[in-house]
Amino acid sequence: MSEQTGTARTSHGGAAPSHPLATSAGDAARSPSASRRRALTLGAGMATLGVAVGAGYLLYQPSHDRQLVYARISDAMKEVDRLHAASVQPLEPATAWTWSQTLEHCAQSIEFSLAGFPQPKSAVFQHTAGAAAFSLFAWRGRMSHDLAEPIPGAPALTAPIADASAALARLKAAVTAFELHPDPLHPHFAYGVLSRAQYEQAHAMHLANHLSAFDARISR
């Protein structure tokens, strides 16, 4: 046996073909590490999915969801303007809120990112389930959540009214304040600390999820 090559020599001096299952000492040493890395990667992925599902984030998929996708708030606001200018209607049972209540809720979310959320989740939640949920949402480009669930600790939404002009003005003011805000943003109540770019995406995805439950009324 050659110590340098690890292959057996035939009587004619040629190298015998290696058995397809044979491995060198180096391969044997590397295999457990590679297997362990694969196992850890798979385990981490399953854990991420598990905690996010456990938090109630991922499995909520209402019917009549248009599944809009926006990466920037400005793009989402174009759809807000389009719907507001038309005869907007909720796509039941996707949402239980009216158009004005939905705009008010989205405004609250942006306002709280500037002033602080009233009832944030625990740091443990934010670093596990919350962070995992945001990572998955950011990866797939859209979020999913209960469209009738208020922000924890937020003031109750205004009673349903037909005229949503005030709610629209509030949302636009919140967007402008977010764009001009120079200071670090407050941690998200569920996701935790986010960079400005991440917050931009978080707000855009939040708007997209809610806007997906509305559409312009079709005249007949």
N, C-alpha and C. Protein backbone atom coordinates (compact mmCIF):
# COMPACT_ATOMS: atom_id res chain seq x y z
N MET A 1 0.86 -1.19 0.00
CA MET A 1 0.00 0.00 0.00
C MET A 1 0.89 1.23 0.00
N SER A 2 0.65 2.13 -0.91
CA SER A 2 1.44 3.35 -0.97
C SER A 2 0.95 4.31 0.09
N GLU A 3 1.86 4.82 0.93
CA GLU A 3 1.47 5.75 1.98
C GLU A 3 1.12 7.11 1.41
N GLN A 4 1.67 7.44 0.22
CA GLN A 4 1.43 8.76 -0.33
C GLN A 4 0.10 8.83 -1.08
N THR A 5 -0.23 7.74 -1.80
CA THR A 5 -1.44 7.80 -2.61
C THR A 5 -2.61 7.06 -2.00
N GLY A 6 -2.31 6.08 -1.11
CA GLY A 6 -3.39 5.33 -0.48
C GLY A 6 -4.02 4.33 -1.41
N THR A 7 -3.38 3.97 -2.55
CA THR A 7 -3.95 3.01 -3.49
C THR A 7 -3.12 1.76 -3.49
N ALA A 8 -3.75 0.59 -3.74
CA ALA A 8 -3.03 -0.68 -3.80
C ALA A 8 -2.38 -0.82 -5.16
N ARG A 9 -1.22 -1.50 -5.21
CA ARG A 9 -0.51 -1.72 -6.45
C ARG A 9 -0.75 -3.14 -6.93
N THR A 10 -0.97 -3.33 -8.21
CA THR A 10 -1.09 -4.67 -8.77
C THR A 10 0.28 -5.23 -9.00
N SER A 11 0.31 -6.51 -9.33
CA SER A 11 1.60 -7.16 -9.57
C SER A 11 2.30 -6.58 -10.76
N HIS A 12 1.58 -5.89 -11.67
CA HIS A 12 2.21 -5.29 -12.85
C HIS A 12 2.58 -3.84 -12.61
N GLY A 13 2.41 -3.37 -11.39
CA GLY A 13 2.83 -2.00 -11.06
C GLY A 13 1.76 -0.96 -11.31
N GLY A 14 0.60 -1.37 -11.82
CA GLY A 14 -0.44 -0.39 -12.08
C GLY A 14 -1.30 -0.18 -10.86
N ALA A 15 -2.00 0.89 -10.83
CA ALA A 15 -2.87 1.19 -9.68
C ALA A 15 -4.20 0.49 -9.86
N ALA A 16 -4.62 -0.23 -8.83
CA ALA A 16 -5.91 -0.90 -8.89
C ALA A 16 -7.01 0.14 -8.78
N PRO A 17 -8.09 -0.05 -9.53
CA PRO A 17 -9.18 0.92 -9.45
C PRO A 17 -9.76 0.96 -8.05
N SER A 18 -10.05 2.16 -7.59
CA SER A 18 -10.59 2.33 -6.24
C SER A 18 -12.01 1.82 -6.18
N HIS A 19 -12.37 1.26 -5.04
CA HIS A 19 -13.75 0.82 -4.85
C HIS A 19 -14.63 2.06 -4.74
N PRO A 20 -15.79 2.05 -5.38
CA PRO A 20 -16.62 3.27 -5.37
C PRO A 20 -17.03 3.73 -3.99
N LEU A 21 -16.99 2.84 -2.99
CA LEU A 21 -17.38 3.24 -1.65
C LEU A 21 -16.20 3.61 -0.78
N ALA A 22 -14.99 3.43 -1.33
CA ALA A 22 -13.81 3.70 -0.53
C ALA A 22 -13.61 5.20 -0.39
N THR A 23 -13.12 5.62 0.77
CA THR A 23 -12.82 7.03 1.01
C THR A 23 -11.46 7.13 1.61
N SER A 24 -10.82 8.25 1.38
CA SER A 24 -9.52 8.48 1.97
C SER A 24 -9.69 8.87 3.42
N ALA A 25 -8.59 8.88 4.15
CA ALA A 25 -8.67 9.26 5.56
C ALA A 25 -9.15 10.70 5.69
N GLY A 26 -8.72 11.56 4.73
CA GLY A 26 -9.15 12.96 4.78
C GLY A 26 -10.64 13.10 4.57
N ASP A 27 -11.19 12.30 3.59
CA ASP A 27 -12.62 12.36 3.35
C ASP A 27 -13.40 11.90 4.57
N ALA A 28 -12.88 10.82 5.20
CA ALA A 28 -13.57 10.30 6.37
C ALA A 28 -13.58 11.32 7.50
N ALA A 29 -12.49 12.07 7.59
CA ALA A 29 -12.42 13.08 8.65
C ALA A 29 -13.35 14.24 8.37
N ARG A 30 -13.53 14.53 7.03
CA ARG A 30 -14.37 15.67 6.69
C ARG A 30 -15.85 15.34 6.71
N SER A 31 -16.21 14.11 6.46
CA SER A 31 -17.61 13.74 6.31
C SER A 31 -18.47 14.08 7.53
N PRO A 32 -18.05 13.72 8.74
CA PRO A 32 -18.89 14.05 9.89
C PRO A 32 -19.15 15.53 10.02
N SER A 33 -18.11 16.35 9.72
CA SER A 33 -18.28 17.79 9.83
C SER A 33 -19.29 18.29 8.81
N ALA A 34 -19.19 17.78 7.56
CA ALA A 34 -20.11 18.20 6.52
C ALA A 34 -21.53 17.78 6.86
N SER A 35 -21.68 16.56 7.35
CA SER A 35 -23.01 16.07 7.72
C SER A 35 -23.59 16.90 8.85
N ARG A 36 -22.73 17.24 9.79
CA ARG A 36 -23.20 18.04 10.93
C ARG A 36 -23.65 19.42 10.47
N ARG A 37 -22.88 20.00 9.52
CA ARG A 37 -23.27 21.31 9.02
C ARG A 37 -24.62 21.25 8.32
N ARG A 38 -24.81 20.19 7.53
CA ARG A 38 -26.09 20.05 6.84
C ARG A 38 -27.23 19.87 7.83
N ALA A 39 -26.99 19.09 8.86
CA ALA A 39 -28.02 18.86 9.87
C ALA A 39 -28.35 20.15 10.61
N LEU A 40 -27.30 20.92 10.94
CA LEU A 40 -27.54 22.17 11.65
C LEU A 40 -28.30 23.16 10.79
N THR A 41 -27.94 23.21 9.49
CA THR A 41 -28.63 24.12 8.58
C THR A 41 -30.10 23.75 8.47
N LEU A 42 -30.37 22.45 8.29
CA LEU A 42 -31.75 22.00 8.19
C LEU A 42 -32.49 22.26 9.50
N GLY A 43 -31.82 21.97 10.61
CA GLY A 43 -32.46 22.18 11.90
C GLY A 43 -32.78 23.63 12.16
N ALA A 44 -31.86 24.51 11.78
CA ALA A 44 -32.10 25.94 11.98
C ALA A 44 -33.27 26.41 11.14
N GLY A 45 -33.33 25.92 9.90
CA GLY A 45 -34.45 26.31 9.04
C GLY A 45 -35.78 25.85 9.58
N MET A 46 -35.83 24.61 10.08
CA MET A 46 -37.07 24.09 10.64
C MET A 46 -37.44 24.83 11.92
N ALA A 47 -36.41 25.18 12.70
CA ALA A 47 -36.68 25.91 13.94
C ALA A 47 -37.25 27.28 13.63
N THR A 48 -36.67 27.96 12.62
CA THR A 48 -37.17 29.27 12.22
C THR A 48 -38.62 29.18 11.80
N LEU A 49 -38.92 28.20 10.97
CA LEU A 49 -40.30 28.04 10.51
C LEU A 49 -41.21 27.70 11.68
N GLY A 50 -40.71 26.85 12.57
CA GLY A 50 -41.53 26.41 13.69
C GLY A 50 -41.92 27.54 14.62
N VAL A 51 -40.97 28.38 14.99
CA VAL A 51 -41.31 29.46 15.93
C VAL A 51 -42.20 30.48 15.26
N ALA A 52 -42.00 30.70 13.96
CA ALA A 52 -42.84 31.66 13.27
C ALA A 52 -44.27 31.15 13.16
N VAL A 53 -44.42 29.88 12.83
CA VAL A 53 -45.76 29.30 12.78
C VAL A 53 -46.39 29.33 14.16
N GLY A 54 -45.58 29.03 15.18
CA GLY A 54 -46.09 29.05 16.54
C GLY A 54 -46.56 30.42 16.95
N ALA A 55 -45.99 31.46 16.37
CA ALA A 55 -46.40 32.82 16.71
C ALA A 55 -47.66 33.24 15.98
N GLY A 56 -48.17 32.39 15.11
CA GLY A 56 -49.41 32.69 14.40
C GLY A 56 -49.23 33.60 13.22
N TYR A 57 -48.03 33.66 12.65
CA TYR A 57 -47.76 34.60 11.57
C TYR A 57 -48.01 34.02 10.18
N LEU A 58 -47.69 32.76 9.97
CA LEU A 58 -47.51 32.29 8.61
C LEU A 58 -48.69 31.59 7.97
N LEU A 59 -49.56 31.04 8.75
CA LEU A 59 -50.60 30.20 8.18
C LEU A 59 -51.88 30.95 7.88
N TYR A 60 -51.96 32.23 8.22
CA TYR A 60 -53.18 32.98 7.96
C TYR A 60 -53.18 33.43 6.51
N GLN A 61 -54.06 32.85 5.72
CA GLN A 61 -54.15 33.19 4.31
C GLN A 61 -55.62 33.33 3.95
N PRO A 62 -56.18 34.54 4.07
CA PRO A 62 -57.60 34.70 3.81
C PRO A 62 -57.94 34.49 2.34
N SER A 63 -59.17 34.11 2.10
CA SER A 63 -59.61 34.02 0.71
C SER A 63 -59.78 35.43 0.16
N HIS A 64 -59.83 35.54 -1.14
CA HIS A 64 -59.95 36.83 -1.81
C HIS A 64 -58.78 37.75 -1.46
N ASP A 65 -57.62 37.19 -1.32
CA ASP A 65 -56.41 37.97 -1.06
C ASP A 65 -55.72 38.21 -2.40
N ARG A 66 -55.53 39.48 -2.77
CA ARG A 66 -54.89 39.78 -4.06
C ARG A 66 -53.39 39.55 -4.05
N GLN A 67 -52.81 39.33 -2.87
CA GLN A 67 -51.39 39.01 -2.72
C GLN A 67 -50.49 40.05 -3.39
N LEU A 68 -50.75 41.31 -3.08
CA LEU A 68 -49.92 42.39 -3.59
C LEU A 68 -48.53 42.32 -2.96
N VAL A 69 -47.54 42.78 -3.70
CA VAL A 69 -46.16 42.79 -3.22
C VAL A 69 -45.55 44.16 -3.47
N TYR A 70 -45.09 44.80 -2.41
CA TYR A 70 -44.41 46.09 -2.52
C TYR A 70 -43.17 46.07 -1.64
N ALA A 71 -42.09 46.60 -2.15
CA ALA A 71 -40.86 46.70 -1.36
C ALA A 71 -40.65 48.10 -0.81
N ARG A 72 -41.39 49.08 -1.36
CA ARG A 72 -41.25 50.47 -0.92
C ARG A 72 -42.61 51.05 -0.56
N ILE A 73 -42.61 51.91 0.43
CA ILE A 73 -43.86 52.53 0.86
C ILE A 73 -44.48 53.35 -0.27
N SER A 74 -43.65 54.04 -1.02
CA SER A 74 -44.17 54.89 -2.10
C SER A 74 -44.96 54.09 -3.12
N ASP A 75 -44.52 52.87 -3.40
CA ASP A 75 -45.25 52.02 -4.35
C ASP A 75 -46.60 51.60 -3.76
N ALA A 76 -46.60 51.27 -2.48
CA ALA A 76 -47.86 50.89 -1.83
C ALA A 76 -48.84 52.06 -1.80
N MET A 77 -48.32 53.27 -1.60
CA MET A 77 -49.19 54.44 -1.52
C MET A 77 -49.85 54.75 -2.87
N LYS A 78 -49.22 54.36 -3.96
CA LYS A 78 -49.86 54.53 -5.27
C LYS A 78 -51.14 53.70 -5.35
N GLU A 79 -51.09 52.49 -4.78
CA GLU A 79 -52.29 51.65 -4.75
C GLU A 79 -53.32 52.22 -3.79
N VAL A 80 -52.86 52.80 -2.69
CA VAL A 80 -53.79 53.46 -1.76
C VAL A 80 -54.56 54.56 -2.49
N ASP A 81 -53.84 55.38 -3.24
CA ASP A 81 -54.48 56.48 -3.97
C ASP A 81 -55.45 55.95 -5.03
N ARG A 82 -55.05 54.87 -5.71
CA ARG A 82 -55.91 54.30 -6.75
C ARG A 82 -57.22 53.79 -6.15
N LEU A 83 -57.10 53.07 -5.05
CA LEU A 83 -58.30 52.53 -4.42
C LEU A 83 -59.18 53.63 -3.85
N HIS A 84 -58.55 54.63 -3.25
CA HIS A 84 -59.33 55.71 -2.63
C HIS A 84 -60.08 56.52 -3.68
N ALA A 85 -59.48 56.67 -4.84
CA ALA A 85 -60.13 57.44 -5.91
C ALA A 85 -61.27 56.66 -6.55
N ALA A 86 -61.24 55.34 -6.40
CA ALA A 86 -62.29 54.50 -6.97
C ALA A 86 -63.33 54.19 -5.89
N SER A 87 -64.30 53.40 -6.26
CA SER A 87 -65.29 52.93 -5.28
C SER A 87 -64.72 51.69 -4.62
N VAL A 88 -63.91 51.90 -3.59
CA VAL A 88 -63.19 50.80 -2.96
C VAL A 88 -64.16 49.91 -2.20
N GLN A 89 -63.90 48.62 -2.22
CA GLN A 89 -64.73 47.67 -1.49
C GLN A 89 -63.86 46.60 -0.84
N PRO A 90 -64.24 46.13 0.35
CA PRO A 90 -63.50 45.04 0.98
C PRO A 90 -63.81 43.72 0.29
N LEU A 91 -62.82 42.86 0.23
CA LEU A 91 -63.00 41.54 -0.37
C LEU A 91 -63.28 40.56 0.76
N GLU A 92 -64.52 40.47 1.15
CA GLU A 92 -64.89 39.58 2.25
C GLU A 92 -64.66 38.12 1.85
N PRO A 93 -64.23 37.27 2.79
CA PRO A 93 -64.01 37.56 4.21
C PRO A 93 -62.57 37.92 4.54
N ALA A 94 -61.86 38.54 3.62
CA ALA A 94 -60.45 38.83 3.85
C ALA A 94 -60.24 39.78 5.02
N THR A 95 -61.14 40.73 5.21
CA THR A 95 -60.96 41.69 6.30
C THR A 95 -62.31 42.06 6.90
N ALA A 96 -62.29 42.36 8.18
CA ALA A 96 -63.51 42.80 8.87
C ALA A 96 -63.52 44.30 9.05
N TRP A 97 -62.43 44.97 8.67
CA TRP A 97 -62.34 46.41 8.84
C TRP A 97 -62.79 47.13 7.59
N THR A 98 -63.28 48.36 7.79
CA THR A 98 -63.64 49.20 6.66
C THR A 98 -62.37 49.82 6.08
N TRP A 99 -62.53 50.50 4.96
CA TRP A 99 -61.40 51.17 4.31
C TRP A 99 -60.79 52.22 5.24
N SER A 100 -61.62 53.02 5.88
CA SER A 100 -61.10 54.07 6.76
C SER A 100 -60.37 53.47 7.95
N GLN A 101 -60.88 52.40 8.52
CA GLN A 101 -60.22 51.75 9.66
C GLN A 101 -58.88 51.14 9.25
N THR A 102 -58.83 50.59 8.06
CA THR A 102 -57.58 50.00 7.58
C THR A 102 -56.51 51.06 7.39
N LEU A 103 -56.89 52.20 6.81
CA LEU A 103 -55.93 53.29 6.64
C LEU A 103 -55.45 53.81 7.99
N GLU A 104 -56.36 53.90 8.94
CA GLU A 104 -56.00 54.37 10.28
C GLU A 104 -55.03 53.40 10.95
N HIS A 105 -55.30 52.11 10.83
CA HIS A 105 -54.43 51.09 11.41
C HIS A 105 -53.03 51.15 10.80
N CYS A 106 -52.95 51.30 9.49
CA CYS A 106 -51.64 51.38 8.83
C CYS A 106 -50.90 52.65 9.25
N ALA A 107 -51.64 53.73 9.46
CA ALA A 107 -51.02 54.97 9.94
C ALA A 107 -50.46 54.76 11.34
N GLN A 108 -51.21 54.08 12.20
CA GLN A 108 -50.73 53.81 13.55
C GLN A 108 -49.39 53.07 13.53
N SER A 109 -49.28 52.08 12.68
CA SER A 109 -48.06 51.28 12.62
C SER A 109 -46.84 52.14 12.29
N ILE A 110 -47.01 53.04 11.33
CA ILE A 110 -45.90 53.91 10.94
C ILE A 110 -45.61 54.92 12.05
N GLU A 111 -46.64 55.48 12.63
CA GLU A 111 -46.46 56.44 13.73
C GLU A 111 -45.72 55.82 14.91
N PHE A 112 -46.06 54.59 15.24
CA PHE A 112 -45.41 53.92 16.38
C PHE A 112 -43.94 53.62 16.10
N SER A 113 -43.58 53.44 14.84
CA SER A 113 -42.16 53.22 14.53
C SER A 113 -41.34 54.48 14.80
N LEU A 114 -42.01 55.62 14.85
CA LEU A 114 -41.33 56.89 15.13
C LEU A 114 -41.39 57.25 16.61
N ALA A 115 -42.49 56.94 17.26
CA ALA A 115 -42.69 57.34 18.66
C ALA A 115 -42.53 56.21 19.65
N GLY A 116 -42.55 54.97 19.19
CA GLY A 116 -42.45 53.82 20.08
C GLY A 116 -43.78 53.08 20.18
N PHE A 117 -43.74 51.77 20.14
CA PHE A 117 -44.96 50.96 20.25
C PHE A 117 -45.39 50.87 21.71
N PRO A 118 -46.69 50.97 21.98
CA PRO A 118 -47.16 51.01 23.37
C PRO A 118 -46.97 49.71 24.15
N GLN A 119 -47.09 48.56 23.47
CA GLN A 119 -46.95 47.28 24.18
C GLN A 119 -46.10 46.32 23.35
N PRO A 120 -44.78 46.51 23.36
CA PRO A 120 -43.92 45.61 22.58
C PRO A 120 -43.89 44.21 23.18
N LYS A 121 -43.64 43.24 22.32
CA LYS A 121 -43.44 41.87 22.78
C LYS A 121 -42.14 41.80 23.57
N SER A 122 -41.94 40.71 24.29
CA SER A 122 -40.73 40.55 25.08
C SER A 122 -39.50 40.47 24.18
N ALA A 123 -38.35 40.75 24.75
CA ALA A 123 -37.10 40.66 23.98
C ALA A 123 -36.88 39.24 23.47
N VAL A 124 -37.26 38.25 24.27
CA VAL A 124 -37.12 36.86 23.84
C VAL A 124 -37.96 36.60 22.61
N PHE A 125 -39.20 37.06 22.62
CA PHE A 125 -40.08 36.89 21.46
C PHE A 125 -39.49 37.58 20.23
N GLN A 126 -39.05 38.83 20.41
CA GLN A 126 -38.53 39.58 19.28
C GLN A 126 -37.31 38.91 18.66
N HIS A 127 -36.46 38.31 19.50
CA HIS A 127 -35.23 37.69 18.99
C HIS A 127 -35.46 36.29 18.44
N THR A 128 -36.63 35.71 18.68
CA THR A 128 -36.90 34.35 18.19
C THR A 128 -38.02 34.38 17.16
N ALA A 129 -39.24 34.29 17.62
CA ALA A 129 -40.38 34.22 16.71
C ALA A 129 -40.49 35.47 15.84
N GLY A 130 -40.33 36.64 16.44
CA GLY A 130 -40.46 37.88 15.68
C GLY A 130 -39.41 38.02 14.60
N ALA A 131 -38.15 37.80 14.98
CA ALA A 131 -37.06 37.91 14.00
C ALA A 131 -37.20 36.87 12.91
N ALA A 132 -37.62 35.66 13.29
CA ALA A 132 -37.79 34.59 12.30
C ALA A 132 -38.89 34.93 11.32
N ALA A 133 -39.99 35.48 11.83
CA ALA A 133 -41.10 35.85 10.95
C ALA A 133 -40.68 36.93 9.97
N PHE A 134 -39.99 37.97 10.46
CA PHE A 134 -39.57 39.03 9.55
C PHE A 134 -38.60 38.51 8.50
N SER A 135 -37.68 37.64 8.89
CA SER A 135 -36.72 37.09 7.93
C SER A 135 -37.43 36.33 6.82
N LEU A 136 -38.43 35.56 7.20
CA LEU A 136 -39.18 34.80 6.19
C LEU A 136 -40.00 35.73 5.31
N PHE A 137 -40.67 36.71 5.91
CA PHE A 137 -41.44 37.67 5.13
C PHE A 137 -40.55 38.41 4.14
N ALA A 138 -39.40 38.88 4.61
CA ALA A 138 -38.48 39.63 3.76
C ALA A 138 -37.96 38.75 2.63
N TRP A 139 -37.73 37.48 2.93
CA TRP A 139 -37.22 36.54 1.91
C TRP A 139 -38.23 36.32 0.81
N ARG A 140 -39.50 36.16 1.19
CA ARG A 140 -40.52 35.88 0.17
C ARG A 140 -41.15 37.16 -0.39
N GLY A 141 -40.88 38.30 0.25
CA GLY A 141 -41.34 39.57 -0.28
C GLY A 141 -42.71 40.01 0.16
N ARG A 142 -43.38 39.26 1.00
CA ARG A 142 -44.70 39.64 1.48
C ARG A 142 -44.96 38.99 2.83
N MET A 143 -45.81 39.65 3.61
CA MET A 143 -46.15 39.14 4.92
C MET A 143 -47.58 38.63 4.91
N SER A 144 -47.95 37.91 5.95
CA SER A 144 -49.33 37.47 6.12
C SER A 144 -49.65 37.51 7.61
N HIS A 145 -50.77 38.13 7.94
CA HIS A 145 -51.18 38.21 9.34
C HIS A 145 -52.68 38.45 9.40
N ASP A 146 -53.23 38.33 10.58
CA ASP A 146 -54.65 38.55 10.79
C ASP A 146 -54.98 40.01 10.50
N LEU A 147 -55.79 40.25 9.49
CA LEU A 147 -56.07 41.61 9.05
C LEU A 147 -57.06 42.35 9.94
N ALA A 148 -57.54 41.71 10.97
CA ALA A 148 -58.44 42.38 11.92
C ALA A 148 -57.85 42.39 13.32
N GLU A 149 -56.54 42.20 13.41
CA GLU A 149 -55.88 42.20 14.72
C GLU A 149 -55.24 43.56 14.97
N PRO A 150 -55.66 44.28 16.00
CA PRO A 150 -55.08 45.60 16.27
C PRO A 150 -53.66 45.50 16.78
N ILE A 151 -52.93 46.58 16.68
CA ILE A 151 -51.58 46.64 17.25
C ILE A 151 -51.72 46.64 18.77
N PRO A 152 -50.97 45.80 19.48
CA PRO A 152 -51.11 45.73 20.94
C PRO A 152 -50.95 47.10 21.60
N GLY A 153 -51.95 47.48 22.38
CA GLY A 153 -51.90 48.74 23.10
C GLY A 153 -52.30 49.96 22.31
N ALA A 154 -52.61 49.80 21.03
CA ALA A 154 -52.98 50.95 20.21
C ALA A 154 -54.39 51.42 20.56
N PRO A 155 -54.66 52.71 20.42
CA PRO A 155 -56.02 53.20 20.64
C PRO A 155 -57.00 52.50 19.71
N ALA A 156 -58.21 52.32 20.17
CA ALA A 156 -59.23 51.66 19.35
C ALA A 156 -59.45 52.45 18.06
N LEU A 157 -59.69 51.72 16.99
CA LEU A 157 -59.92 52.38 15.71
C LEU A 157 -61.25 53.12 15.73
N THR A 158 -61.32 54.18 14.96
CA THR A 158 -62.54 54.96 14.86
C THR A 158 -63.67 54.10 14.31
N ALA A 159 -64.87 54.35 14.76
CA ALA A 159 -66.03 53.61 14.26
C ALA A 159 -66.12 53.76 12.75
N PRO A 160 -66.60 52.72 12.07
CA PRO A 160 -66.67 52.76 10.60
C PRO A 160 -67.42 53.99 10.08
N ILE A 161 -66.81 54.67 9.14
CA ILE A 161 -67.45 55.81 8.49
C ILE A 161 -67.22 55.68 6.99
N ALA A 162 -68.13 56.26 6.23
CA ALA A 162 -68.04 56.16 4.77
C ALA A 162 -66.91 57.02 4.21
N ASP A 163 -66.72 58.19 4.80
CA ASP A 163 -65.70 59.12 4.31
C ASP A 163 -64.35 58.80 4.96
N ALA A 164 -63.42 58.31 4.16
CA ALA A 164 -62.10 57.94 4.67
C ALA A 164 -61.05 59.01 4.43
N SER A 165 -61.47 60.22 4.12
CA SER A 165 -60.52 61.29 3.80
C SER A 165 -59.59 61.60 4.97
N ALA A 166 -60.14 61.65 6.18
CA ALA A 166 -59.32 61.97 7.34
C ALA A 166 -58.30 60.86 7.60
N ALA A 167 -58.70 59.62 7.45
CA ALA A 167 -57.78 58.49 7.65
C ALA A 167 -56.69 58.49 6.59
N LEU A 168 -57.05 58.83 5.36
CA LEU A 168 -56.05 58.90 4.29
C LEU A 168 -55.05 60.01 4.58
N ALA A 169 -55.53 61.16 5.02
CA ALA A 169 -54.64 62.28 5.34
C ALA A 169 -53.69 61.90 6.47
N ARG A 170 -54.20 61.17 7.45
CA ARG A 170 -53.35 60.74 8.57
C ARG A 170 -52.27 59.77 8.09
N LEU A 171 -52.64 58.84 7.22
CA LEU A 171 -51.66 57.89 6.69
C LEU A 171 -50.58 58.61 5.89
N LYS A 172 -50.97 59.55 5.06
CA LYS A 172 -49.99 60.27 4.26
C LYS A 172 -49.07 61.11 5.14
N ALA A 173 -49.62 61.69 6.20
CA ALA A 173 -48.79 62.46 7.13
C ALA A 173 -47.78 61.55 7.83
N ALA A 174 -48.21 60.34 8.18
CA ALA A 174 -47.31 59.39 8.83
C ALA A 174 -46.19 58.96 7.88
N VAL A 175 -46.53 58.74 6.63
CA VAL A 175 -45.52 58.35 5.63
C VAL A 175 -44.49 59.46 5.46
N THR A 176 -44.97 60.70 5.36
CA THR A 176 -44.05 61.83 5.22
C THR A 176 -43.15 61.97 6.44
N ALA A 177 -43.71 61.80 7.62
CA ALA A 177 -42.91 61.88 8.85
C ALA A 177 -41.86 60.78 8.89
N PHE A 178 -42.22 59.60 8.42
CA PHE A 178 -41.26 58.49 8.38
C PHE A 178 -40.11 58.81 7.43
N GLU A 179 -40.44 59.35 6.28
CA GLU A 179 -39.42 59.66 5.28
C GLU A 179 -38.46 60.75 5.77
N LEU A 180 -38.95 61.67 6.58
CA LEU A 180 -38.14 62.80 7.04
C LEU A 180 -37.52 62.57 8.41
N HIS A 181 -37.87 61.49 9.07
CA HIS A 181 -37.41 61.25 10.44
C HIS A 181 -35.90 61.02 10.47
N PRO A 182 -35.14 61.86 11.20
CA PRO A 182 -33.68 61.73 11.19
C PRO A 182 -33.13 60.79 12.26
N ASP A 183 -33.91 60.54 13.29
CA ASP A 183 -33.40 59.78 14.43
C ASP A 183 -33.55 58.27 14.21
N PRO A 184 -32.86 57.47 15.02
CA PRO A 184 -33.07 56.02 14.94
C PRO A 184 -34.54 55.69 15.19
N LEU A 185 -35.03 54.69 14.49
CA LEU A 185 -36.42 54.29 14.63
C LEU A 185 -36.58 53.37 15.84
N HIS A 186 -37.76 53.37 16.41
CA HIS A 186 -38.02 52.52 17.57
C HIS A 186 -38.18 51.07 17.13
N PRO A 187 -37.82 50.13 18.00
CA PRO A 187 -37.98 48.72 17.64
C PRO A 187 -39.43 48.39 17.31
N HIS A 188 -39.61 47.52 16.35
CA HIS A 188 -40.95 47.04 16.02
C HIS A 188 -41.48 46.20 17.18
N PHE A 189 -42.76 46.27 17.44
CA PHE A 189 -43.29 45.57 18.62
C PHE A 189 -43.10 44.06 18.54
N ALA A 190 -43.01 43.50 17.33
CA ALA A 190 -42.83 42.05 17.18
C ALA A 190 -41.47 41.69 16.61
N TYR A 191 -41.01 42.43 15.59
CA TYR A 191 -39.76 42.10 14.91
C TYR A 191 -38.52 42.54 15.68
N GLY A 192 -38.67 43.52 16.55
CA GLY A 192 -37.52 44.04 17.27
C GLY A 192 -36.82 45.15 16.49
N VAL A 193 -35.53 45.30 16.71
CA VAL A 193 -34.75 46.37 16.08
C VAL A 193 -34.64 46.11 14.58
N LEU A 194 -34.98 47.13 13.79
CA LEU A 194 -34.87 47.05 12.34
C LEU A 194 -34.09 48.26 11.83
N SER A 195 -33.34 48.07 10.77
CA SER A 195 -32.68 49.19 10.12
C SER A 195 -33.74 50.00 9.37
N ARG A 196 -33.36 51.18 8.88
CA ARG A 196 -34.33 51.99 8.13
C ARG A 196 -34.81 51.24 6.89
N ALA A 197 -33.89 50.58 6.19
CA ALA A 197 -34.28 49.84 4.99
C ALA A 197 -35.23 48.69 5.35
N GLN A 198 -34.96 48.02 6.46
CA GLN A 198 -35.84 46.93 6.89
C GLN A 198 -37.20 47.46 7.30
N TYR A 199 -37.22 48.60 7.97
CA TYR A 199 -38.51 49.20 8.36
C TYR A 199 -39.29 49.63 7.13
N GLU A 200 -38.60 50.16 6.15
CA GLU A 200 -39.26 50.53 4.89
C GLU A 200 -39.97 49.32 4.30
N GLN A 201 -39.25 48.20 4.26
CA GLN A 201 -39.84 46.98 3.72
C GLN A 201 -40.97 46.47 4.60
N ALA A 202 -40.78 46.55 5.92
CA ALA A 202 -41.82 46.08 6.84
C ALA A 202 -43.12 46.87 6.65
N HIS A 203 -43.01 48.19 6.56
CA HIS A 203 -44.21 49.01 6.36
C HIS A 203 -44.83 48.74 4.99
N ALA A 204 -44.00 48.59 3.97
CA ALA A 204 -44.51 48.32 2.62
C ALA A 204 -45.24 46.98 2.58
N MET A 205 -44.67 45.96 3.22
CA MET A 205 -45.32 44.65 3.25
C MET A 205 -46.61 44.70 4.05
N HIS A 206 -46.61 45.47 5.13
CA HIS A 206 -47.82 45.61 5.95
C HIS A 206 -48.94 46.27 5.15
N LEU A 207 -48.60 47.33 4.45
CA LEU A 207 -49.59 47.98 3.59
C LEU A 207 -50.09 47.03 2.51
N ALA A 208 -49.17 46.31 1.87
CA ALA A 208 -49.55 45.39 0.80
C ALA A 208 -50.51 44.33 1.29
N ASN A 209 -50.25 43.79 2.48
CA ASN A 209 -51.11 42.75 3.02
C ASN A 209 -52.54 43.27 3.24
N HIS A 210 -52.65 44.49 3.78
CA HIS A 210 -53.98 45.06 4.02
C HIS A 210 -54.65 45.50 2.71
N LEU A 211 -53.89 46.08 1.80
CA LEU A 211 -54.47 46.52 0.54
C LEU A 211 -54.95 45.34 -0.30
N SER A 212 -54.34 44.18 -0.09
CA SER A 212 -54.74 42.99 -0.84
C SER A 212 -56.17 42.57 -0.52
N ALA A 213 -56.71 43.06 0.58
CA ALA A 213 -58.07 42.70 0.99
C ALA A 213 -59.11 43.68 0.46
N PHE A 214 -58.69 44.61 -0.40
CA PHE A 214 -59.61 45.58 -0.99
C PHE A 214 -59.39 45.63 -2.50
N ASP A 215 -60.41 46.08 -3.20
CA ASP A 215 -60.26 46.31 -4.63
C ASP A 215 -61.30 47.35 -5.05
N ALA A 216 -61.12 47.87 -6.25
CA ALA A 216 -62.07 48.86 -6.75
C ALA A 216 -63.36 48.15 -7.15
N ARG A 217 -64.47 48.76 -6.81
CA ARG A 217 -65.77 48.18 -7.15
C ARG A 217 -65.97 48.23 -8.66
N ILE A 218 -66.40 47.14 -9.21
CA ILE A 218 -66.63 47.06 -10.65
C ILE A 218 -68.06 47.47 -10.96
N SER A 219 -68.21 48.49 -11.80
CA SER A 219 -69.55 48.95 -12.17
C SER A 219 -70.20 47.96 -13.12
N ARG A 220 -71.46 47.71 -12.91
CA ARG A 220 -72.20 46.77 -13.76
C ARG A 220 -73.31 47.50 -14.51
